[in-house]
Protein backbone atom coordinates (compact mmCIF):
# COMPACT_ATOMS: atom_id res chain seq x y z
CA MET A 1 79.36 -18.63 95.79
CA GLY A 2 76.30 -20.93 95.07
CA MET A 3 73.96 -21.47 92.01
CA GLY A 4 70.66 -21.01 91.15
CA LEU A 5 68.44 -21.28 88.10
CA ASN A 6 66.95 -18.61 85.99
CA LYS A 7 63.26 -19.37 86.36
CA ARG A 8 62.73 -18.55 82.69
CA SER A 9 65.09 -20.20 80.99
CA ASN A 10 66.74 -22.97 83.57
CA VAL A 11 70.13 -21.22 83.07
CA PRO A 12 72.43 -21.37 86.10
CA ILE A 13 73.01 -17.96 87.68
CA PRO A 14 75.16 -16.98 90.82
CA THR A 15 73.16 -16.76 93.70
CA SER A 16 74.77 -13.56 95.04
CA PHE A 17 72.69 -11.76 92.13
CA LEU A 18 69.10 -11.34 93.34
CA PRO A 19 66.38 -10.15 91.12
CA LEU A 20 64.57 -7.30 92.34
CA LYS A 21 61.11 -5.63 91.26
CA GLY A 22 62.06 -3.97 87.99
CA ARG A 23 65.15 -4.07 85.64
CA LYS A 24 66.72 -0.92 86.66
CA THR A 25 68.79 -2.27 89.65
CA ILE A 26 71.26 -5.42 90.28
CA VAL A 27 71.98 -6.79 93.72
CA ARG A 28 75.21 -8.17 94.73
CA ILE A 29 75.73 -9.46 98.07
CA GLY A 30 79.37 -9.32 99.71
CA HIS A 31 80.85 -6.95 97.42
CA GLU A 32 82.81 -4.27 98.84
CA SER A 33 84.65 -1.69 97.48
CA THR A 34 87.68 -0.19 99.09
CA MET A 35 87.19 3.24 97.32
CA THR A 36 83.99 4.93 96.00
CA SER A 37 82.89 8.29 94.36
CA LYS A 38 80.18 10.51 95.35
CA ILE A 39 77.93 9.54 92.56
CA SER A 40 78.39 6.10 93.56
CA LYS A 41 77.70 6.75 97.22
CA ALA A 42 74.76 8.64 96.38
CA CYS A 43 73.05 5.55 94.55
CA LYS A 44 73.97 3.00 96.93
CA CYS A 45 71.54 1.82 99.20
CA THR A 46 71.63 -1.17 101.67
CA ILE A 47 68.53 -3.65 101.70
CA ASP A 48 67.91 -6.32 104.22
CA PHE A 49 66.91 -9.86 103.09
CA GLY A 50 66.22 -11.14 106.58
CA SER A 51 68.00 -13.42 108.63
CA GLY A 52 70.89 -11.14 109.12
CA ARG A 53 71.72 -11.08 105.38
CA THR A 54 72.07 -7.65 103.75
CA GLY A 55 72.84 -6.49 100.10
CA ASP A 56 73.80 -3.47 98.37
CA ILE A 57 72.09 -1.99 95.65
CA TYR A 58 73.41 0.68 92.74
CA SER A 59 69.89 2.11 91.38
CA LEU A 60 69.93 3.58 88.06
CA THR A 61 66.70 5.35 89.08
CA ALA A 62 68.88 7.22 91.68
CA LEU A 63 71.56 8.02 89.23
CA GLU A 64 68.83 9.26 86.84
CA ALA A 65 67.66 11.62 90.00
CA GLN A 66 71.57 12.83 89.84
CA GLY A 67 70.58 14.49 86.61
CA VAL A 68 72.56 12.38 84.21
CA GLY A 69 69.59 12.14 81.90
CA SER A 70 67.03 9.54 80.91
CA LEU A 71 68.24 6.06 81.35
CA SER A 72 65.12 4.20 80.33
CA ARG A 73 65.80 4.97 76.89
CA LEU A 74 69.09 2.88 77.01
CA PRO A 75 69.09 -0.62 75.70
CA ILE A 76 69.15 -3.01 78.48
CA SER A 77 72.77 -4.12 77.77
CA ILE A 78 74.07 -0.56 78.20
CA ARG A 79 72.05 -0.18 81.20
CA ILE A 80 73.97 -3.47 82.92
CA VAL A 81 77.40 -2.05 81.82
CA LEU A 82 76.26 1.29 83.50
CA GLU A 83 75.06 -0.42 86.73
CA SER A 84 78.56 -2.11 86.76
CA LEU A 85 80.39 1.19 86.19
CA LEU A 86 78.51 2.62 88.94
CA ARG A 87 78.91 0.00 91.52
CA ASN A 88 83.00 0.21 90.53
CA CYS A 89 83.24 3.84 90.13
CA ASP A 90 86.10 4.73 92.45
CA GLY A 91 87.23 8.18 91.04
CA ARG A 92 90.46 6.54 89.85
CA VAL A 93 90.05 3.71 87.29
CA VAL A 94 86.44 4.20 86.87
CA THR A 95 85.42 7.95 87.18
CA GLU A 96 82.12 9.78 87.17
CA GLU A 97 82.83 11.09 84.02
CA LEU A 98 82.78 7.75 82.32
CA VAL A 99 79.70 6.93 84.23
CA ARG A 100 78.06 10.09 82.72
CA GLU A 101 79.39 9.60 79.30
CA LEU A 102 77.95 6.07 79.20
CA ALA A 103 74.78 7.27 80.56
CA ASN A 104 74.36 9.89 77.42
CA TRP A 105 75.23 7.32 75.12
CA GLN A 106 73.49 7.93 71.85
CA PRO A 107 73.27 5.37 68.94
CA ASN A 108 75.25 5.96 65.85
CA GLY A 109 77.22 8.75 68.11
CA LYS A 110 74.53 11.21 67.75
């Protein structure tokens, strides 16, 4: 895996993580899950980077469209963890219920 530099902070970042428009999506190239859930499949899109390179994205916007609630109210740190759960949702270790619970996170347990 190659490394690049974050343009704002000059911090090294893996080149497999490519920024996209907005902050609701993370792209990871070369990641394949052997099992996926319905919700994960519904939120997965493949994009073409050209030169034969493609990547999968797991869209929190698509997750929001699945009726889990308003995700824009969540802190960015929770959204990052939520995208990871969505990407790794296999129905066994990471269940759709866990994804929905985190999507409905409330500060101070409210």
